[in-house]
C-alpha atoms as a PDB file:
ATOM      1  CA  MET A   1      44.426  -3.953 -34.384  1.00  0.00           C
ATOM      2  CA  MET A   2      41.800  -1.878 -35.733  1.00  0.00           C
ATOM      3  CA  VAL A   3      43.725   0.716 -37.494  1.00  0.00           C
ATOM      4  CA  CYS A   4      46.549  -1.528 -38.212  1.00  0.00           C
ATOM      5  CA  ALA A   5      44.013  -3.556 -40.235  1.00  0.00           C
ATOM      6  CA  TYR A   6      42.104  -1.157 -42.089  1.00  0.00           C
ATOM      7  CA  GLN A   7      45.853   0.085 -43.081  1.00  0.00           C
ATOM      8  CA  GLU A   8      46.977  -3.541 -43.826  1.00  0.00           C
ATOM      9  CA  ILE A   9      44.432  -5.137 -45.508  1.00  0.00           C
ATOM     10  CA  PRO A  10      44.290  -2.902 -48.389  1.00  0.00           C
ATOM     11  CA  ALA A  11      48.117  -2.431 -48.541  1.00  0.00           C
ATOM     12  CA  LYS A  12      48.185  -6.452 -49.025  1.00  0.00           C
ATOM     13  CA  ALA A  13      45.402  -6.322 -51.352  1.00  0.00           C
ATOM     14  CA  CYS A  14      46.967  -3.732 -54.019  1.00  0.00           C
ATOM     15  CA  ARG A  15      50.880  -5.172 -53.331  1.00  0.00           C
ATOM     16  CA  LYS A  16      49.410  -8.721 -54.113  1.00  0.00           C
ATOM     17  CA  VAL A  17      47.977  -6.959 -57.827  1.00  0.00           C
ATOM     18  CA  ASP A  18      50.247  -4.677 -58.371  1.00  0.00           C
ATOM     19  CA  PRO A  19      53.219  -4.669 -56.391  1.00  0.00           C
ATOM     20  CA  ASN A  20      54.636  -1.803 -57.887  1.00  0.00           C
ATOM     21  CA  HIS A  21      51.894   0.457 -56.537  1.00  0.00           C
ATOM     22  CA  LEU A  22      53.129   3.485 -54.502  1.00  0.00           C
ATOM     23  CA  ILE A  23      50.719   3.686 -51.429  1.00  0.00           C
ATOM     24  CA  LEU A  24      50.476   6.950 -50.478  1.00  0.00           C
ATOM     25  CA  GLY A  25      48.469   6.182 -47.244  1.00  0.00           C
ATOM     26  CA  MET A  26      45.533   7.034 -45.243  1.00  0.00           C
ATOM     27  CA  ARG A  27      45.642  10.861 -45.678  1.00  0.00           C
ATOM     28  CA  TRP A  28      44.989  11.765 -41.740  1.00  0.00           C
ATOM     29  CA  ALA A  29      42.898  14.988 -41.164  1.00  0.00           C
ATOM     30  CA  TRP A  30      44.900  14.577 -37.668  1.00  0.00           C
ATOM     31  CA  ILE A  31      46.833  12.963 -35.380  1.00  0.00           C
ATOM     32  CA  SER A  32      45.158  12.626 -31.871  1.00  0.00           C
ATOM     33  CA  ASP A  33      46.294   9.387 -30.787  1.00  0.00           C
ATOM     34  CA  PRO A  34      49.544   7.888 -31.114  1.00  0.00           C
ATOM     35  CA  ASP A  35      47.900   4.440 -31.652  1.00  0.00           C
ATOM     36  CA  LEU A  36      46.647   6.369 -35.349  1.00  0.00           C
ATOM     37  CA  VAL A  37      49.951   5.770 -36.926  1.00  0.00           C
ATOM     38  CA  THR A  38      49.645   2.089 -36.322  1.00  0.00           C
ATOM     39  CA  GLY A  39      50.273   0.018 -38.892  1.00  0.00           C
ATOM     40  CA  TRP A  40      52.419   2.824 -41.177  1.00  0.00           C
ATOM     41  CA  GLU A  41      54.802   0.220 -42.461  1.00  0.00           C
ATOM     42  CA  ASN A  42      52.017  -0.783 -45.060  1.00  0.00           C
ATOM     43  CA  MET A  43      52.345   2.334 -46.529  1.00  0.00           C
ATOM     44  CA  ASP A  44      54.982   4.365 -48.822  1.00  0.00           C
ATOM     45  CA  VAL A  45      54.446   7.753 -48.089  1.00  0.00           C
ATOM     46  CA  PHE A  46      52.828   8.575 -44.907  1.00  0.00           C
ATOM     47  CA  SER A  47      50.144  11.307 -45.957  1.00  0.00           C
ATOM     48  CA  ILE A  48      48.478  13.939 -43.491  1.00  0.00           C
ATOM     49  CA  ASN A  49      45.968  17.197 -43.647  1.00  0.00           C
ATOM     50  CA  CYS A  50      47.787  20.378 -42.292  1.00  0.00           C
ATOM     51  CA  TYR A  51      45.851  23.533 -42.178  1.00  0.00           C
ATOM     52  CA  ALA A  52      48.843  25.735 -40.135  1.00  0.00           C
ATOM     53  CA  VAL A  53      50.879  28.277 -41.257  1.00  0.00           C
ATOM     54  CA  ASP A  54      53.945  26.471 -40.532  1.00  0.00           C
ATOM     55  CA  PRO A  55      53.564  22.267 -41.404  1.00  0.00           C
ATOM     56  CA  THR A  56      57.308  21.693 -40.295  1.00  0.00           C
ATOM     57  CA  PRO A  57      55.582  21.086 -36.631  1.00  0.00           C
ATOM     58  CA  ALA A  58      52.979  18.308 -38.036  1.00  0.00           C
ATOM     59  CA  ILE A  59      55.889  16.606 -40.316  1.00  0.00           C
ATOM     60  CA  GLN A  60      58.172  16.733 -37.037  1.00  0.00           C
ATOM     61  CA  ASN A  61      55.538  14.679 -34.909  1.00  0.00           C
ATOM     62  CA  ILE A  62      54.796  12.196 -37.532  1.00  0.00           C
ATOM     63  CA  VAL A  63      58.550  11.340 -37.375  1.00  0.00           C
ATOM     64  CA  ASP A  64      58.895  11.766 -34.118  1.00  0.00           C
ATOM     65  CA  LEU A  65      55.633   9.102 -33.447  1.00  0.00           C
ATOM     66  CA  GLY A  66      58.242   6.576 -35.160  1.00  0.00           C
ATOM     67  CA  VAL A  67      57.032   6.813 -38.582  1.00  0.00           C
ATOM     68  CA  ASP A  68      59.904   6.439 -40.843  1.00  0.00           C
ATOM     69  CA  LEU A  69      58.668   7.335 -44.111  1.00  0.00           C
ATOM     70  CA  PRO A  70      58.187  10.621 -46.334  1.00  0.00           C
ATOM     71  CA  VAL A  71      55.565  12.773 -45.103  1.00  0.00           C
ATOM     72  CA  MET A  72      52.814  14.177 -48.041  1.00  0.00           C
ATOM     73  CA  ILE A  73      50.727  17.077 -47.190  1.00  0.00           C
ATOM     74  CA  GLY A  74      47.459  16.458 -48.983  1.00  0.00           C
ATOM     75  CA  GLU A  75      45.665  20.086 -47.854  1.00  0.00           C
ATOM     76  CA  PHE A  76      46.125  23.138 -46.906  1.00  0.00           C
ATOM     77  CA  HIS A  77      44.381  26.504 -47.991  1.00  0.00           C
ATOM     78  CA  PHE A  78      45.021  30.360 -46.969  1.00  0.00           C
ATOM     79  CA  GLY A  79      41.818  32.447 -47.381  1.00  0.00           C
ATOM     80  CA  ALA A  80      41.336  36.193 -47.381  1.00  0.00           C
ATOM     81  CA  LEU A  81      38.418  38.618 -47.475  1.00  0.00           C
ATOM     82  CA  ASP A  82      39.592  41.224 -49.732  1.00  0.00           C
ATOM     83  CA  ALA A  83      38.400  39.472 -52.914  1.00  0.00           C
ATOM     84  CA  GLY A  84      36.077  36.760 -53.332  1.00  0.00           C
ATOM     85  CA  PRO A  85      33.848  35.106 -50.753  1.00  0.00           C
ATOM     86  CA  ASP A  86      33.386  36.139 -47.579  1.00  0.00           C
ATOM     87  CA  SER A  87      34.779  33.643 -45.826  1.00  0.00           C
ATOM     88  CA  THR A  88      38.716  32.718 -44.932  1.00  0.00           C
ATOM     89  CA  GLY A  89      38.688  29.071 -44.719  1.00  0.00           C
ATOM     90  CA  LEU A  90      40.733  27.108 -42.346  1.00  0.00           C
ATOM     91  CA  GLU A  91      43.815  29.456 -42.526  1.00  0.00           C
ATOM     92  CA  GLY A  92      42.735  33.280 -42.897  1.00  0.00           C
ATOM     93  CA  VAL A  93      45.522  36.079 -43.941  1.00  0.00           C
ATOM     94  CA  VAL A  94      44.857  39.524 -44.346  1.00  0.00           C
ATOM     95  CA  SER A  95      45.311  39.646 -48.172  1.00  0.00           C
ATOM     96  CA  GLN A  96      45.169  38.103 -51.553  1.00  0.00           C
ATOM     97  CA  LYS A  97      49.074  39.429 -51.325  1.00  0.00           C
ATOM     98  CA  ASP A  98      49.204  37.226 -47.863  1.00  0.00           C
ATOM     99  CA  ARG A  99      48.092  34.577 -49.305  1.00  0.00           C
ATOM    100  CA  GLY A 100      50.756  34.493 -52.050  1.00  0.00           C
ATOM    101  CA  ILE A 101      53.313  34.971 -49.040  1.00  0.00           C
ATOM    102  CA  ALA A 102      51.382  32.588 -47.122  1.00  0.00           C
ATOM    103  CA  TYR A 103      51.960  29.786 -50.122  1.00  0.00           C
ATOM    104  CA  ARG A 104      55.444  30.337 -50.882  1.00  0.00           C
ATOM    105  CA  TYR A 105      56.050  29.743 -47.165  1.00  0.00           C
ATOM    106  CA  TYR A 106      54.571  26.795 -46.606  1.00  0.00           C
ATOM    107  CA  CYS A 107      55.644  24.503 -49.637  1.00  0.00           C
ATOM    108  CA  GLU A 108      59.252  25.977 -49.082  1.00  0.00           C
ATOM    109  CA  HIS A 109      59.010  24.631 -45.662  1.00  0.00           C
ATOM    110  CA  VAL A 110      57.719  21.196 -46.703  1.00  0.00           C
ATOM    111  CA  ALA A 111      60.319  20.937 -48.859  1.00  0.00           C
ATOM    112  CA  ALA A 112      63.152  21.817 -46.326  1.00  0.00           C
ATOM    113  CA  HIS A 113      61.979  19.442 -43.890  1.00  0.00           C
ATOM    114  CA  PRO A 114      64.006  16.232 -44.344  1.00  0.00           C
ATOM    115  CA  ASN A 115      60.650  13.960 -44.404  1.00  0.00           C
ATOM    116  CA  GLY A 116      58.615  16.497 -46.692  1.00  0.00           C
ATOM    117  CA  VAL A 117      57.477  15.171 -49.634  1.00  0.00           C
ATOM    118  CA  GLY A 118      55.134  17.666 -51.163  1.00  0.00           C
ATOM    119  CA  CYS A 119      51.876  19.042 -50.675  1.00  0.00           C
ATOM    120  CA  HIS A 120      48.949  19.675 -52.275  1.00  0.00           C
ATOM    121  CA  TYR A 121      46.948  23.266 -52.415  1.00  0.00           C
ATOM    122  CA  PHE A 122      42.834  22.519 -51.524  1.00  0.00           C
ATOM    123  CA  GLN A 123      41.431  23.657 -53.403  1.00  0.00           C
ATOM    124  CA  CYS A 124      41.646  24.763 -57.716  1.00  0.00           C
ATOM    125  CA  TYR A 125      38.378  27.221 -57.341  1.00  0.00           C
ATOM    126  CA  ASP A 126      37.362  29.389 -54.693  1.00  0.00           C
ATOM    127  CA  GLN A 127      33.795  27.898 -53.672  1.00  0.00           C
ATOM    128  CA  PHE A 128      30.668  29.612 -54.641  1.00  0.00           C
ATOM    129  CA  VAL A 129      28.977  32.612 -51.925  1.00  0.00           C
ATOM    130  CA  LEU A 130      26.086  30.393 -51.771  1.00  0.00           C
ATOM    131  CA  GLY A 131      28.405  27.666 -50.300  1.00  0.00           C
ATOM    132  CA  ARG A 132      28.856  24.282 -51.494  1.00  0.00           C
ATOM    133  CA  PHE A 133      27.233  20.963 -50.583  1.00  0.00           C
ATOM    134  CA  ASP A 134      28.080  21.299 -46.570  1.00  0.00           C
ATOM    135  CA  GLY A 135      27.742  24.998 -46.556  1.00  0.00           C
ATOM    136  CA  GLU A 136      31.768  25.681 -47.199  1.00  0.00           C
ATOM    137  CA  ASN A 137      31.893  29.275 -49.288  1.00  0.00           C
ATOM    138  CA  TYR A 138      35.494  29.861 -48.577  1.00  0.00           C
ATOM    139  CA  ASN A 139      37.818  31.962 -50.859  1.00  0.00           C
ATOM    140  CA  ILE A 140      40.634  29.505 -50.828  1.00  0.00           C
ATOM    141  CA  GLY A 141      41.044  29.020 -54.594  1.00  0.00           C
ATOM    142  CA  LEU A 142      44.071  29.837 -56.635  1.00  0.00           C
ATOM    143  CA  PHE A 143      41.132  31.390 -59.537  1.00  0.00           C
ATOM    144  CA  ASP A 144      37.599  32.773 -58.665  1.00  0.00           C
ATOM    145  CA  ILE A 145      34.521  31.173 -59.700  1.00  0.00           C
ATOM    146  CA  CYS A 146      34.298  33.006 -62.748  1.00  0.00           C
ATOM    147  CA  SER A 147      38.140  30.905 -63.749  1.00  0.00           C
ATOM    148  CA  GLN A 148      40.095  34.077 -63.029  1.00  0.00           C
ATOM    149  CA  PRO A 149      43.476  33.688 -61.490  1.00  0.00           C
ATOM    150  CA  TYR A 150      44.430  35.552 -58.508  1.00  0.00           C
ATOM    151  CA  PRO A 151      47.905  37.436 -59.254  1.00  0.00           C
ATOM    152  CA  GLU A 152      49.341  38.156 -56.020  1.00  0.00           C
ATOM    153  CA  LEU A 153      48.787  34.436 -55.124  1.00  0.00           C
ATOM    154  CA  PHE A 154      49.789  33.343 -58.323  1.00  0.00           C
ATOM    155  CA  GLU A 155      52.878  35.271 -57.658  1.00  0.00           C
ATOM    156  CA  GLY A 156      53.627  32.756 -54.706  1.00  0.00           C
ATOM    157  CA  VAL A 157      53.291  29.823 -56.393  1.00  0.00           C
ATOM    158  CA  ARG A 158      55.731  31.326 -59.156  1.00  0.00           C
ATOM    159  CA  ALA A 159      58.427  31.742 -56.655  1.00  0.00           C
ATOM    160  CA  ALA A 160      57.734  29.079 -54.559  1.00  0.00           C
ATOM    161  CA  SER A 161      58.460  27.344 -57.834  1.00  0.00           C
ATOM    162  CA  GLU A 162      61.360  28.859 -58.897  1.00  0.00           C
ATOM    163  CA  GLU A 163      63.182  27.848 -55.378  1.00  0.00           C
ATOM    164  CA  ILE A 164      61.612  24.397 -54.393  1.00  0.00           C
ATOM    165  CA  TYR A 165      63.961  22.314 -55.507  1.00  0.00           C
ATOM    166  CA  ASN A 166      67.094  25.149 -54.319  1.00  0.00           C
ATOM    167  CA  VAL A 167      65.268  24.422 -51.060  1.00  0.00           C
ATOM    168  CA  MET A 168      64.656  20.668 -51.111  1.00  0.00           C
ATOM    169  CA  THR A 169      68.772  20.186 -52.074  1.00  0.00           C
ATOM    170  CA  GLY A 170      69.573  22.415 -49.156  1.00  0.00           C
ATOM    171  CA  GLU A 171      70.806  24.793 -51.554  1.00  0.00           C
ATOM    172  CA  LEU A 172      68.491  27.585 -50.517  1.00  0.00           C
ATOM    173  CA  ALA A 173      67.312  28.521 -47.075  1.00  0.00           C
ATOM    174  CA  PRO A 174      63.226  28.339 -47.033  1.00  0.00           C
ATOM    175  CA  VAL A 175      61.784  31.960 -47.069  1.00  0.00           C
ATOM    176  CA  GLN A 176      61.344  33.342 -44.083  1.00  0.00           C
ATOM    177  CA  GLU A 177      58.627  36.137 -44.641  1.00  0.00           C
ATOM    178  CA  LYS A 178      54.900  34.949 -43.035  1.00  0.00           C
ATOM    179  CA  ALA A 179      51.856  35.935 -43.870  1.00  0.00           C
ATOM    180  CA  CYS A 180      49.870  37.993 -41.487  1.00  0.00           C
ATOM    181  CA  SER A 181      47.222  35.744 -40.044  1.00  0.00           C
ATOM    182  CA  ILE A 182      44.090  35.993 -39.420  1.00  0.00           C
ATOM    183  CA  PRO A 183      41.382  34.044 -37.593  1.00  0.00           C
ATOM    184  CA  MET A 184      39.590  31.338 -38.983  1.00  0.00           C
ATOM    185  CA  ILE A 185      36.011  32.887 -40.631  1.00  0.00           C
ATOM    186  CA  ALA A 186      34.017  30.342 -41.650  1.00  0.00           C
ATOM    187  CA  PHE A 187      29.720  29.669 -42.187  1.00  0.00           C
END
């Protein structure tokens, strides 16, 4: 009842003042219990975070729980140790080149899923070497802390951007090349 009310009360309040407002859901970090999707009917999109190499199982899990909505991923990233800070973040890969490969694979697999509506990369800049407020100091940005882009990552972003609509419409299969993953390194 609490989870349902937590979603229903603000959704109804928003719809009362703005009936055309798109409600993107609560952006669950993970669904540890099937009851957590209770109240999904109040949303227009079901939002989750998904730190994984392949987002398909997480999206499919939401569908399998009976949620009949598009699924948006609010956070994902990949970090490596060959440049920038010395922590990979929640998903580690071997190199900056692998970050680009992982990015493309991830985005195209979201687009290929019938319920996948989009994904948001976290975050624009690497975290500072000395850490942010909670100590995170991950090499996860599109840019380093000096605002310089990671060219190999941007190559993956460019490639995904060029093909994403063809993948979404089914005209093209999502890329199958996966990055070389390593265990997460975080301090």
